[in-house]
Structures are given as structure tokens and as C-alpha cells.
Amino acid sequence: MPSGRQGGARGLMHPAYRGRFAPSPTGPLHFGSLVSALASWLDARAHRGAWLVRIEDVDGPRTVPGAAQDILATLERFGMVADEPPLWQSQRMARYREALEALQAGGLVYPCGCTRKEIADSLLHAHSRNTTLAYPGTCRSGLHGKPARAWRLRVRDGDAAVIRFEDRWQGTQTQNLATEVGDFVLRRADDQWAYQLAVVVDDADAGITHIVRGADLMDSTARQIYLQRCLGVATPAYLHVPVVVNDQGEKLSKQNGATALDAREPLAALNAAARHLGLDLNVAEQPTLERFYAAATLAWAQKMGVR
């Protein structure tokens, strides 16, 4: 089987860098997810850091049995093995509960009884940057006789709601949480933990210092930074790579029919992923996984200014 240290012969690991790849087991890996995996892998190796894998199976209804094992096997076949045992969100429910209780104790969250339809009906327009509806704060002052359905994090008003961060690929990003998102959900109405809470708690507990992922998740970053501040944990460095789109210009995903990676031809897919990331590699000079990762790591370091 391929080694978990492909392309990593650039010196001892740097303990100050900890990166991760966090797939959701809703189906097999496809080309779009390979691009994100490769980018996070190369950034970790270029920094001589650790690369971790987290299985984001916190959303039970969407988890496909056996998908996580298939993802891990595919990553290994492509030469990417985590430097530590994979972490499973489904085994960390107690930690999410502890984080929510800490926020409750600080008066930073409140119960919400609104349905999605009620929220949509109360707005003139939906959130323009993605499908999230900007919550109007209906339950901030109480449930008004409605049963509690979810728990929301209270977002600050005015200038304090503006989150700015520097993305290593996309540049300076700014989002006003109050006007563009509103108070956001940490515990859903179906009793599932929200993505934002699980990700922030997991990254903090694992000591993640650098997050490399697709640009489709950049809209979540401001919320995660705000939640990190509320929980008193460190904010990692962020890098969001361009997403892969299909012929219709839609993000390549399992939902729109993305095909599974062909594990029999890893080098062909890896070279295509490298090209998507803007890496100029001589395919003829790297016919093995070891040579591919050595060349790709060097090219990534040069592109991203990693020394």
C-alpha cells in the first residue's frame, strides 16, 4: 500500500503546523473533493507539518453506511494517509454538548422556535451569498409561546458584527454577520449538531493551525471565526481553493451526479487536480506517486511562498 509520507522527505515535521482534510461520508470521493484533499496535503507537506483526516459524520441522516471506510481507502490508494488516526465526529457528541453549555452559561445563545418558512416569510429577500436565510432575530427576546426548536448563537450588532480575515488564496474577506447571516444555529431543530459548532470544536481540540478547503465553504468562515472568539479558542489561518464546476457551471458534488474517483488511475486524477490548483508539473518526469508528490509539494511551496 502507498506510504503515508509520500512527498514528505523535506525534513522533520514542524509541530507548529497542523492541517486537516474533513470529508463528509455522504458518498465516495469525487474529483472536487480530491482537489481539496490534495491542496490540504500539499500545504501540510510544504510546511513540514502534520496532516489529519476528520470524518464529518455529525449529520446522521445524510451519512451513507460504508462511505467513510471507502473514503479512507481511496485516500490511501492515492497516497494520502493521515499522520494520526482519523477522527470521527459521531464519537464527539459530548464535546459539542460541553461547548453549547459553555455558551449557554455565558448567555451567548438562546432557544429558537422559528421554522424555515416563518423565517423566509419575514424577510424581503434571501441571503445573497448562499442559500442561508439571514435570521431576523425573532426569538432573541423570547419564544413568544412557541416550543423551542433550535439553539442560536447571538451575533453582535453594528461594527462588532463585521468579521474580516485574510485568506491565503482569495485575499481579504469581509462579512457582516448581523446583516448577511443573523444569529445562526448551533443545535438544529432535528436534534443534530450544526456544522459550524462541530467544525470549530473539532479544529480547536485537534490544535489545527491551518485550514485548506474549497471556496464553497468560505461563506462559513466568518461565522466560525466569531464562534471561535466566543469559545475563546485560536483562529487558524485560512486558504480556500477554487471549486471544481461541471459543464453547467455548478459546483461538482455528489448531489449533482459527480462520479467516484477511479482508484486504478490515481496519477491521472492527481495530475488533473494539480492543474486545477495552478501547479505546472512535468507529467513525464513523475510516473510514480512518490515523484508526483515530490514535484507537487515543491511547486505548491513556490506558488504559495512557503519557505
C-alpha atoms as a PDB file:
ATOM      1  CA  MET A   1       0.000   0.000   0.000  1.00  0.00           C
ATOM      2  CA  PRO A   2       1.166   3.588  -0.548  1.00  0.00           C
ATOM      3  CA  SER A   3       3.063   5.216   2.271  1.00  0.00           C
ATOM      4  CA  GLY A   4       1.506   7.909   4.424  1.00  0.00           C
ATOM      5  CA  ARG A   5       4.623  10.013   3.908  1.00  0.00           C
ATOM      6  CA  GLN A   6       4.501  10.474   0.129  1.00  0.00           C
ATOM      7  CA  GLY A   7       6.346  13.633  -0.866  1.00  0.00           C
ATOM      8  CA  GLY A   8       7.240  14.341   2.745  1.00  0.00           C
ATOM      9  CA  ALA A   9      11.014  13.902   2.587  1.00  0.00           C
ATOM     10  CA  ARG A  10      11.701  17.615   3.080  1.00  0.00           C
ATOM     11  CA  GLY A  11      12.796  17.377   6.681  1.00  0.00           C
ATOM     12  CA  LEU A  12      11.255  16.636  10.057  1.00  0.00           C
ATOM     13  CA  MET A  13       7.647  17.590  10.688  1.00  0.00           C
ATOM     14  CA  HIS A  14       7.063  21.067  12.065  1.00  0.00           C
ATOM     15  CA  PRO A  15       4.910  20.787  15.199  1.00  0.00           C
ATOM     16  CA  ALA A  16       3.617  24.336  14.685  1.00  0.00           C
ATOM     17  CA  TYR A  17       1.641  23.338  11.580  1.00  0.00           C
ATOM     18  CA  ARG A  18      -1.397  21.073  11.827  1.00  0.00           C
ATOM     19  CA  GLY A  19      -3.718  20.800   8.845  1.00  0.00           C
ATOM     20  CA  ARG A  20      -6.657  18.576   8.030  1.00  0.00           C
ATOM     21  CA  PHE A  21      -8.974  17.206   5.355  1.00  0.00           C
ATOM     22  CA  ALA A  22     -12.566  16.787   6.537  1.00  0.00           C
ATOM     23  CA  PRO A  23     -14.820  14.863   4.117  1.00  0.00           C
ATOM     24  CA  SER A  24     -18.481  14.132   4.766  1.00  0.00           C
ATOM     25  CA  PRO A  25     -19.318  10.424   4.271  1.00  0.00           C
ATOM     26  CA  THR A  26     -22.328  11.034   2.069  1.00  0.00           C
ATOM     27  CA  GLY A  27     -20.803   9.069  -0.794  1.00  0.00           C
ATOM     28  CA  PRO A  28     -17.458   8.242  -2.428  1.00  0.00           C
ATOM     29  CA  LEU A  29     -14.741  10.796  -3.069  1.00  0.00           C
ATOM     30  CA  HIS A  30     -15.060  12.605  -6.400  1.00  0.00           C
ATOM     31  CA  PHE A  31     -12.712  14.908  -8.295  1.00  0.00           C
ATOM     32  CA  GLY A  32     -13.845  18.032  -6.475  1.00  0.00           C
ATOM     33  CA  SER A  33     -13.057  16.523  -3.093  1.00  0.00           C
ATOM     34  CA  LEU A  34      -9.714  15.250  -4.421  1.00  0.00           C
ATOM     35  CA  VAL A  35      -8.713  18.840  -5.239  1.00  0.00           C
ATOM     36  CA  SER A  36      -9.402  19.901  -1.644  1.00  0.00           C
ATOM     37  CA  ALA A  37      -7.630  16.857  -0.231  1.00  0.00           C
ATOM     38  CA  LEU A  38      -4.570  17.423  -2.416  1.00  0.00           C
ATOM     39  CA  ALA A  39      -4.367  21.129  -1.569  1.00  0.00           C
ATOM     40  CA  SER A  40      -4.519  20.455   2.172  1.00  0.00           C
ATOM     41  CA  TRP A  41      -1.978  17.629   1.844  1.00  0.00           C
ATOM     42  CA  LEU A  42       0.490  19.704  -0.171  1.00  0.00           C
ATOM     43  CA  ASP A  43       0.210  22.679   2.176  1.00  0.00           C
ATOM     44  CA  ALA A  44       0.941  20.455   5.166  1.00  0.00           C
ATOM     45  CA  ARG A  45       3.911  18.821   3.446  1.00  0.00           C
ATOM     46  CA  ALA A  46       5.286  22.135   2.163  1.00  0.00           C
ATOM     47  CA  HIS A  47       5.228  23.407   5.758  1.00  0.00           C
ATOM     48  CA  ARG A  48       6.695  20.101   7.019  1.00  0.00           C
ATOM     49  CA  GLY A  49       3.568  19.822   9.143  1.00  0.00           C
ATOM     50  CA  ALA A  50       1.064  17.188  10.198  1.00  0.00           C
ATOM     51  CA  TRP A  51      -1.919  16.252   8.015  1.00  0.00           C
ATOM     52  CA  LEU A  52      -5.024  14.871   9.703  1.00  0.00           C
ATOM     53  CA  VAL A  53      -8.293  13.417   8.432  1.00  0.00           C
ATOM     54  CA  ARG A  54     -11.629  14.042  10.125  1.00  0.00           C
ATOM     55  CA  ILE A  55     -14.761  12.165   9.088  1.00  0.00           C
ATOM     56  CA  GLU A  56     -17.583  14.690   9.348  1.00  0.00           C
ATOM     57  CA  ASP A  57     -20.419  12.268  10.058  1.00  0.00           C
ATOM     58  CA  VAL A  58     -22.164  14.502  12.600  1.00  0.00           C
ATOM     59  CA  ASP A  59     -25.209  14.719  10.290  1.00  0.00           C
ATOM     60  CA  GLY A  60     -26.589  11.226  10.851  1.00  0.00           C
ATOM     61  CA  PRO A  61     -29.447  11.318   8.298  1.00  0.00           C
ATOM     62  CA  ARG A  62     -27.044  12.185   5.455  1.00  0.00           C
ATOM     63  CA  THR A  63     -24.344   9.647   6.337  1.00  0.00           C
ATOM     64  CA  VAL A  64     -24.076   6.704   3.933  1.00  0.00           C
ATOM     65  CA  PRO A  65     -23.055   3.403   5.571  1.00  0.00           C
ATOM     66  CA  GLY A  66     -19.582   2.336   4.453  1.00  0.00           C
ATOM     67  CA  ALA A  67     -18.786   5.680   2.789  1.00  0.00           C
ATOM     68  CA  ALA A  68     -16.231   6.706   5.419  1.00  0.00           C
ATOM     69  CA  GLN A  69     -14.273   3.484   5.036  1.00  0.00           C
ATOM     70  CA  ASP A  70     -14.367   3.895   1.257  1.00  0.00           C
ATOM     71  CA  ILE A  71     -13.068   7.475   1.548  1.00  0.00           C
ATOM     72  CA  LEU A  72     -10.159   6.429   3.755  1.00  0.00           C
ATOM     73  CA  ALA A  73      -9.283   3.545   1.427  1.00  0.00           C
ATOM     74  CA  THR A  74      -9.381   5.846  -1.602  1.00  0.00           C
ATOM     75  CA  LEU A  75      -7.132   8.411   0.069  1.00  0.00           C
ATOM     76  CA  GLU A  76      -4.655   5.660   0.896  1.00  0.00           C
ATOM     77  CA  ARG A  77      -4.737   4.360  -2.677  1.00  0.00           C
ATOM     78  CA  PHE A  78      -3.960   7.905  -3.837  1.00  0.00           C
ATOM     79  CA  GLY A  79      -1.013   8.098  -1.441  1.00  0.00           C
ATOM     80  CA  MET A  80      -2.569  10.245   1.275  1.00  0.00           C
ATOM     81  CA  VAL A  81      -2.669   8.709   4.760  1.00  0.00           C
ATOM     82  CA  ALA A  82      -3.232  10.770   7.883  1.00  0.00           C
ATOM     83  CA  ASP A  83      -0.342  11.268  10.283  1.00  0.00           C
ATOM     84  CA  GLU A  84      -2.664  10.437  13.178  1.00  0.00           C
ATOM     85  CA  PRO A  85      -5.690   8.121  13.483  1.00  0.00           C
ATOM     86  CA  PRO A  86      -8.756   9.610  11.773  1.00  0.00           C
ATOM     87  CA  LEU A  87     -11.206  11.475  13.980  1.00  0.00           C
ATOM     88  CA  TRP A  88     -14.948  10.729  13.748  1.00  0.00           C
ATOM     89  CA  GLN A  89     -17.423  13.458  14.608  1.00  0.00           C
ATOM     90  CA  SER A  90     -20.067  10.898  15.565  1.00  0.00           C
ATOM     91  CA  GLN A  91     -17.862   9.945  18.526  1.00  0.00           C
ATOM     92  CA  ARG A  92     -17.625  13.520  19.820  1.00  0.00           C
ATOM     93  CA  MET A  93     -21.219  14.413  20.688  1.00  0.00           C
ATOM     94  CA  ALA A  94     -20.313  15.022  24.344  1.00  0.00           C
ATOM     95  CA  ARG A  95     -17.758  17.676  23.368  1.00  0.00           C
ATOM     96  CA  TYR A  96     -20.330  19.557  21.303  1.00  0.00           C
ATOM     97  CA  ARG A  97     -22.712  19.456  24.257  1.00  0.00           C
ATOM     98  CA  GLU A  98     -19.988  20.873  26.525  1.00  0.00           C
ATOM     99  CA  ALA A  99     -19.335  23.724  24.093  1.00  0.00           C
ATOM    100  CA  LEU A 100     -23.027  24.592  23.869  1.00  0.00           C
ATOM    101  CA  GLU A 101     -23.357  24.516  27.653  1.00  0.00           C
ATOM    102  CA  ALA A 102     -20.394  26.892  27.978  1.00  0.00           C
ATOM    103  CA  LEU A 103     -22.083  29.298  25.576  1.00  0.00           C
ATOM    104  CA  GLN A 104     -25.358  28.937  27.470  1.00  0.00           C
ATOM    105  CA  ALA A 105     -23.616  29.759  30.731  1.00  0.00           C
ATOM    106  CA  GLY A 106     -22.230  32.909  29.138  1.00  0.00           C
ATOM    107  CA  GLY A 107     -25.634  33.989  27.837  1.00  0.00           C
ATOM    108  CA  LEU A 108     -24.392  33.846  24.245  1.00  0.00           C
ATOM    109  CA  VAL A 109     -27.054  31.507  22.867  1.00  0.00           C
ATOM    110  CA  TYR A 110     -30.832  31.305  23.049  1.00  0.00           C
ATOM    111  CA  PRO A 111     -33.568  28.840  22.073  1.00  0.00           C
ATOM    112  CA  CYS A 112     -35.430  29.482  18.825  1.00  0.00           C
ATOM    113  CA  GLY A 113     -38.892  28.285  17.842  1.00  0.00           C
ATOM    114  CA  CYS A 114     -38.942  29.566  14.250  1.00  0.00           C
ATOM    115  CA  THR A 115     -39.416  27.331  11.228  1.00  0.00           C
ATOM    116  CA  ARG A 116     -37.598  27.960   7.964  1.00  0.00           C
ATOM    117  CA  LYS A 117     -40.866  29.037   6.362  1.00  0.00           C
ATOM    118  CA  GLU A 118     -41.518  31.555   9.112  1.00  0.00           C
ATOM    119  CA  ILE A 119     -38.044  32.997   8.658  1.00  0.00           C
ATOM    120  CA  ALA A 120     -38.437  33.174   4.876  1.00  0.00           C
ATOM    121  CA  ASP A 121     -41.832  34.836   5.169  1.00  0.00           C
ATOM    122  CA  SER A 122     -40.386  37.509   7.462  1.00  0.00           C
ATOM    123  CA  LEU A 123     -37.686  38.552   5.024  1.00  0.00           C
ATOM    124  CA  LEU A 124     -37.842  40.643   1.911  1.00  0.00           C
ATOM    125  CA  HIS A 125     -35.061  38.684   0.277  1.00  0.00           C
ATOM    126  CA  ALA A 126     -32.800  35.726   0.945  1.00  0.00           C
ATOM    127  CA  HIS A 127     -29.137  35.942   1.798  1.00  0.00           C
ATOM    128  CA  SER A 128     -27.371  36.827  -1.449  1.00  0.00           C
ATOM    129  CA  ARG A 129     -24.124  34.920  -0.967  1.00  0.00           C
ATOM    130  CA  ASN A 130     -25.572  31.449  -0.452  1.00  0.00           C
ATOM    131  CA  THR A 131     -28.852  29.733   0.399  1.00  0.00           C
ATOM    132  CA  THR A 132     -28.709  30.689   4.088  1.00  0.00           C
ATOM    133  CA  LEU A 133     -31.537  32.941   5.208  1.00  0.00           C
ATOM    134  CA  ALA A 134     -30.487  35.929   7.323  1.00  0.00           C
ATOM    135  CA  TYR A 135     -32.241  35.302  10.609  1.00  0.00           C
ATOM    136  CA  PRO A 136     -34.214  38.420  11.715  1.00  0.00           C
ATOM    137  CA  GLY A 137     -33.826  37.770  15.466  1.00  0.00           C
ATOM    138  CA  THR A 138     -37.448  36.872  16.113  1.00  0.00           C
ATOM    139  CA  CYS A 139     -36.717  34.788  19.237  1.00  0.00           C
ATOM    140  CA  ARG A 140     -33.974  36.983  20.691  1.00  0.00           C
ATOM    141  CA  SER A 141     -36.373  38.329  23.289  1.00  0.00           C
ATOM    142  CA  GLY A 142     -38.178  35.036  23.933  1.00  0.00           C
ATOM    143  CA  LEU A 143     -40.084  32.193  22.303  1.00  0.00           C
ATOM    144  CA  HIS A 144     -43.415  34.065  22.300  1.00  0.00           C
ATOM    145  CA  GLY A 145     -45.327  30.922  23.186  1.00  0.00           C
ATOM    146  CA  LYS A 146     -43.643  28.713  20.584  1.00  0.00           C
ATOM    147  CA  PRO A 147     -41.810  25.491  21.538  1.00  0.00           C
ATOM    148  CA  ALA A 148     -38.014  25.591  21.349  1.00  0.00           C
ATOM    149  CA  ARG A 149     -36.746  24.011  18.140  1.00  0.00           C
ATOM    150  CA  ALA A 150     -33.078  25.024  17.873  1.00  0.00           C
ATOM    151  CA  TRP A 151     -30.300  26.919  19.663  1.00  0.00           C
ATOM    152  CA  ARG A 152     -28.838  30.028  18.043  1.00  0.00           C
ATOM    153  CA  LEU A 153     -25.653  31.978  18.720  1.00  0.00           C
ATOM    154  CA  ARG A 154     -26.338  35.655  19.336  1.00  0.00           C
ATOM    155  CA  VAL A 155     -24.449  37.827  16.825  1.00  0.00           C
ATOM    156  CA  ARG A 156     -23.323  41.294  17.827  1.00  0.00           C
ATOM    157  CA  ASP A 157     -24.787  44.395  16.222  1.00  0.00           C
ATOM    158  CA  GLY A 158     -23.130  47.275  14.394  1.00  0.00           C
ATOM    159  CA  ASP A 159     -19.418  47.336  13.657  1.00  0.00           C
ATOM    160  CA  ALA A 160     -18.840  44.464  16.094  1.00  0.00           C
ATOM    161  CA  ALA A 161     -20.690  42.176  13.675  1.00  0.00           C
ATOM    162  CA  VAL A 162     -18.145  42.757  10.899  1.00  0.00           C
ATOM    163  CA  ILE A 163     -15.637  39.920  10.579  1.00  0.00           C
ATOM    164  CA  ARG A 164     -12.529  40.413   8.447  1.00  0.00           C
ATOM    165  CA  PHE A 165      -9.920  37.800   7.675  1.00  0.00           C
ATOM    166  CA  GLU A 166      -7.075  37.321   5.244  1.00  0.00           C
ATOM    167  CA  ASP A 167      -7.449  34.301   3.006  1.00  0.00           C
ATOM    168  CA  ARG A 168      -4.133  32.980   1.709  1.00  0.00           C
ATOM    169  CA  TRP A 169      -5.608  32.375  -1.769  1.00  0.00           C
ATOM    170  CA  GLN A 170      -8.616  34.703  -2.034  1.00  0.00           C
ATOM    171  CA  GLY A 171      -7.223  37.760  -0.244  1.00  0.00           C
ATOM    172  CA  THR A 172      -9.016  39.979   2.274  1.00  0.00           C
ATOM    173  CA  GLN A 173     -12.577  38.893   3.088  1.00  0.00           C
ATOM    174  CA  THR A 174     -15.257  40.814   4.967  1.00  0.00           C
ATOM    175  CA  GLN A 175     -18.687  39.721   6.143  1.00  0.00           C
ATOM    176  CA  ASN A 176     -21.260  41.497   8.297  1.00  0.00           C
ATOM    177  CA  LEU A 177     -22.815  38.704  10.323  1.00  0.00           C
ATOM    178  CA  ALA A 178     -25.705  40.844  11.547  1.00  0.00           C
ATOM    179  CA  THR A 179     -26.946  41.855   8.088  1.00  0.00           C
ATOM    180  CA  GLU A 180     -25.810  38.885   5.983  1.00  0.00           C
ATOM    181  CA  VAL A 181     -26.364  35.931   8.331  1.00  0.00           C
ATOM    182  CA  GLY A 182     -28.019  36.866  11.597  1.00  0.00           C
ATOM    183  CA  ASP A 183     -27.972  34.737  14.737  1.00  0.00           C
ATOM    184  CA  PHE A 184     -27.006  31.283  13.462  1.00  0.00           C
ATOM    185  CA  VAL A 185     -27.923  27.778  14.547  1.00  0.00           C
ATOM    186  CA  LEU A 186     -25.626  25.598  16.667  1.00  0.00           C
ATOM    187  CA  ARG A 187     -28.143  22.882  17.547  1.00  0.00           C
ATOM    188  CA  ARG A 188     -30.681  22.133  14.832  1.00  0.00           C
ATOM    189  CA  ALA A 189     -34.400  21.558  15.158  1.00  0.00           C
ATOM    190  CA  ASP A 190     -33.896  17.864  14.271  1.00  0.00           C
ATOM    191  CA  ASP A 191     -31.536  17.493  17.283  1.00  0.00           C
ATOM    192  CA  GLN A 192     -28.451  17.318  15.033  1.00  0.00           C
ATOM    193  CA  TRP A 193     -25.380  19.397  15.842  1.00  0.00           C
ATOM    194  CA  ALA A 194     -24.818  22.165  13.317  1.00  0.00           C
ATOM    195  CA  TYR A 195     -21.770  22.090  11.061  1.00  0.00           C
ATOM    196  CA  GLN A 196     -20.435  25.390  12.409  1.00  0.00           C
ATOM    197  CA  LEU A 197     -20.241  24.237  16.033  1.00  0.00           C
ATOM    198  CA  ALA A 198     -18.809  20.792  15.280  1.00  0.00           C
ATOM    199  CA  VAL A 199     -16.087  22.177  12.992  1.00  0.00           C
ATOM    200  CA  VAL A 200     -14.949  24.852  15.441  1.00  0.00           C
ATOM    201  CA  VAL A 201     -14.824  22.474  18.408  1.00  0.00           C
ATOM    202  CA  ASP A 202     -13.025  19.773  16.426  1.00  0.00           C
ATOM    203  CA  ASP A 203     -10.425  22.126  14.974  1.00  0.00           C
ATOM    204  CA  ALA A 204      -9.703  23.622  18.389  1.00  0.00           C
ATOM    205  CA  ASP A 205      -9.400  20.263  20.130  1.00  0.00           C
ATOM    206  CA  ALA A 206      -7.098  18.918  17.393  1.00  0.00           C
ATOM    207  CA  GLY A 207      -4.882  22.020  17.508  1.00  0.00           C
ATOM    208  CA  ILE A 208      -5.494  22.787  13.822  1.00  0.00           C
ATOM    209  CA  THR A 209      -3.416  25.796  12.769  1.00  0.00           C
ATOM    210  CA  HIS A 210      -4.148  25.911   9.019  1.00  0.00           C
ATOM    211  CA  ILE A 211      -7.408  25.175   7.207  1.00  0.00           C
ATOM    212  CA  VAL A 212      -7.230  24.497   3.463  1.00  0.00           C
ATOM    213  CA  ARG A 213     -10.576  23.774   1.796  1.00  0.00           C
ATOM    214  CA  GLY A 214     -12.829  24.658  -1.131  1.00  0.00           C
ATOM    215  CA  ALA A 215     -14.041  28.201  -1.749  1.00  0.00           C
ATOM    216  CA  ASP A 216     -17.637  26.985  -1.415  1.00  0.00           C
ATOM    217  CA  LEU A 217     -17.034  26.910   2.351  1.00  0.00           C
ATOM    218  CA  MET A 218     -15.600  30.422   2.560  1.00  0.00           C
ATOM    219  CA  ASP A 219     -19.017  31.856   3.424  1.00  0.00           C
ATOM    220  CA  SER A 220     -18.920  29.841   6.671  1.00  0.00           C
ATOM    221  CA  THR A 221     -15.548  31.207   7.748  1.00  0.00           C
ATOM    222  CA  ALA A 222     -16.762  34.446   9.335  1.00  0.00           C
ATOM    223  CA  ARG A 223     -19.274  32.522  11.434  1.00  0.00           C
ATOM    224  CA  GLN A 224     -16.588  30.092  12.529  1.00  0.00           C
ATOM    225  CA  ILE A 225     -14.183  32.889  13.455  1.00  0.00           C
ATOM    226  CA  TYR A 226     -16.897  34.582  15.518  1.00  0.00           C
ATOM    227  CA  LEU A 227     -17.709  31.301  17.270  1.00  0.00           C
ATOM    228  CA  GLN A 228     -14.005  30.719  17.945  1.00  0.00           C
ATOM    229  CA  ARG A 229     -13.880  34.087  19.684  1.00  0.00           C
ATOM    230  CA  CYS A 230     -16.980  33.269  21.732  1.00  0.00           C
ATOM    231  CA  LEU A 231     -15.413  29.984  22.861  1.00  0.00           C
ATOM    232  CA  GLY A 232     -12.014  31.555  23.490  1.00  0.00           C
ATOM    233  CA  VAL A 233     -10.082  29.323  21.078  1.00  0.00           C
ATOM    234  CA  ALA A 234      -7.459  30.172  18.478  1.00  0.00           C
ATOM    235  CA  THR A 235      -8.326  31.118  14.894  1.00  0.00           C
ATOM    236  CA  PRO A 236      -6.442  29.106  12.244  1.00  0.00           C
ATOM    237  CA  ALA A 237      -5.029  30.515   9.013  1.00  0.00           C
ATOM    238  CA  TYR A 238      -7.429  30.003   6.105  1.00  0.00           C
ATOM    239  CA  LEU A 239      -6.923  29.137   2.444  1.00  0.00           C
ATOM    240  CA  HIS A 240      -9.868  28.489   0.112  1.00  0.00           C
ATOM    241  CA  VAL A 241      -9.055  26.946  -3.267  1.00  0.00           C
ATOM    242  CA  PRO A 242     -11.263  27.380  -6.364  1.00  0.00           C
ATOM    243  CA  VAL A 243     -14.019  24.786  -6.565  1.00  0.00           C
ATOM    244  CA  VAL A 244     -14.428  22.390  -9.470  1.00  0.00           C
ATOM    245  CA  VAL A 245     -17.544  23.034 -11.559  1.00  0.00           C
ATOM    246  CA  ASN A 246     -19.446  20.889 -14.062  1.00  0.00           C
ATOM    247  CA  ASP A 247     -20.424  21.793 -17.612  1.00  0.00           C
ATOM    248  CA  GLN A 248     -23.362  23.817 -16.299  1.00  0.00           C
ATOM    249  CA  GLY A 249     -21.100  25.891 -14.083  1.00  0.00           C
ATOM    250  CA  GLU A 250     -22.364  24.213 -10.903  1.00  0.00           C
ATOM    251  CA  LYS A 251     -20.062  23.102  -8.113  1.00  0.00           C
ATOM    252  CA  LEU A 252     -19.128  19.464  -8.678  1.00  0.00           C
ATOM    253  CA  SER A 253     -20.787  17.491  -5.893  1.00  0.00           C
ATOM    254  CA  LYS A 254     -22.448  14.219  -5.059  1.00  0.00           C
ATOM    255  CA  GLN A 255     -25.809  15.972  -5.263  1.00  0.00           C
ATOM    256  CA  ASN A 256     -25.385  16.821  -8.953  1.00  0.00           C
ATOM    257  CA  GLY A 257     -24.017  13.481 -10.062  1.00  0.00           C
ATOM    258  CA  ALA A 258     -20.253  13.712  -9.562  1.00  0.00           C
ATOM    259  CA  THR A 259     -18.706  10.338 -10.335  1.00  0.00           C
ATOM    260  CA  ALA A 260     -16.475   8.476  -7.900  1.00  0.00           C
ATOM    261  CA  LEU A 261     -12.709   8.625  -8.368  1.00  0.00           C
ATOM    262  CA  ASP A 262     -11.140   5.761 -10.293  1.00  0.00           C
ATOM    263  CA  ALA A 263      -8.660   4.344  -7.786  1.00  0.00           C
ATOM    264  CA  ARG A 264      -6.993   2.349 -10.580  1.00  0.00           C
ATOM    265  CA  GLU A 265      -5.581   5.543 -12.128  1.00  0.00           C
ATOM    266  CA  PRO A 266      -4.538   7.775  -9.227  1.00  0.00           C
ATOM    267  CA  LEU A 267      -1.785   9.621 -11.081  1.00  0.00           C
ATOM    268  CA  ALA A 268      -4.104  10.785 -13.875  1.00  0.00           C
ATOM    269  CA  ALA A 269      -6.580  12.236 -11.375  1.00  0.00           C
ATOM    270  CA  LEU A 270      -3.826  13.735  -9.209  1.00  0.00           C
ATOM    271  CA  ASN A 271      -2.239  15.485 -12.172  1.00  0.00           C
ATOM    272  CA  ALA A 272      -5.636  16.889 -13.179  1.00  0.00           C
ATOM    273  CA  ALA A 273      -6.160  18.115  -9.597  1.00  0.00           C
ATOM    274  CA  ALA A 274      -2.714  19.728  -9.613  1.00  0.00           C
ATOM    275  CA  ARG A 275      -3.558  21.550 -12.850  1.00  0.00           C
ATOM    276  CA  HIS A 276      -6.781  22.836 -11.298  1.00  0.00           C
ATOM    277  CA  LEU A 277      -4.669  24.244  -8.458  1.00  0.00           C
ATOM    278  CA  GLY A 278      -2.443  26.029 -10.957  1.00  0.00           C
ATOM    279  CA  LEU A 279       0.570  23.773 -10.493  1.00  0.00           C
ATOM    280  CA  ASP A 280       2.725  23.336 -13.594  1.00  0.00           C
ATOM    281  CA  LEU A 281       4.145  19.826 -13.393  1.00  0.00           C
ATOM    282  CA  ASN A 282       6.052  17.776 -15.953  1.00  0.00           C
ATOM    283  CA  VAL A 283       3.888  14.652 -16.066  1.00  0.00           C
ATOM    284  CA  ALA A 284       6.528  12.649 -17.924  1.00  0.00           C
ATOM    285  CA  GLU A 285       9.017  13.131 -15.079  1.00  0.00           C
ATOM    286  CA  GLN A 286       6.804  11.838 -12.272  1.00  0.00           C
ATOM    287  CA  PRO A 287       5.316   8.444 -13.257  1.00  0.00           C
ATOM    288  CA  THR A 288       5.074   7.296  -9.618  1.00  0.00           C
ATOM    289  CA  LEU A 289       3.205   8.634  -6.602  1.00  0.00           C
ATOM    290  CA  GLU A 290       6.489   9.397  -4.845  1.00  0.00           C
ATOM    291  CA  ARG A 291       7.740  11.528  -7.726  1.00  0.00           C
ATOM    292  CA  PHE A 292       4.371  13.213  -8.177  1.00  0.00           C
ATOM    293  CA  TYR A 293       4.190  14.314  -4.549  1.00  0.00           C
ATOM    294  CA  ALA A 294       7.795  15.487  -4.501  1.00  0.00           C
ATOM    295  CA  ALA A 295       7.230  17.637  -7.597  1.00  0.00           C
ATOM    296  CA  ALA A 296       3.801  18.846  -6.498  1.00  0.00           C
ATOM    297  CA  THR A 297       4.972  19.774  -2.994  1.00  0.00           C
ATOM    298  CA  LEU A 298       7.840  21.835  -4.414  1.00  0.00           C
ATOM    299  CA  ALA A 299       5.514  23.541  -6.914  1.00  0.00           C
ATOM    300  CA  TRP A 300       2.968  24.296  -4.178  1.00  0.00           C
ATOM    301  CA  ALA A 301       5.652  25.744  -1.887  1.00  0.00           C
ATOM    302  CA  GLN A 302       6.837  28.019  -4.659  1.00  0.00           C
ATOM    303  CA  LYS A 303       3.290  29.091  -5.615  1.00  0.00           C
ATOM    304  CA  MET A 304       2.262  29.843  -2.027  1.00  0.00           C
ATOM    305  CA  GLY A 305       5.569  31.342  -0.918  1.00  0.00           C
ATOM    306  CA  VAL A 306       6.251  28.664   1.679  1.00  0.00           C
ATOM    307  CA  ARG A 307       9.895  28.627   2.786  1.00  0.00           C
END
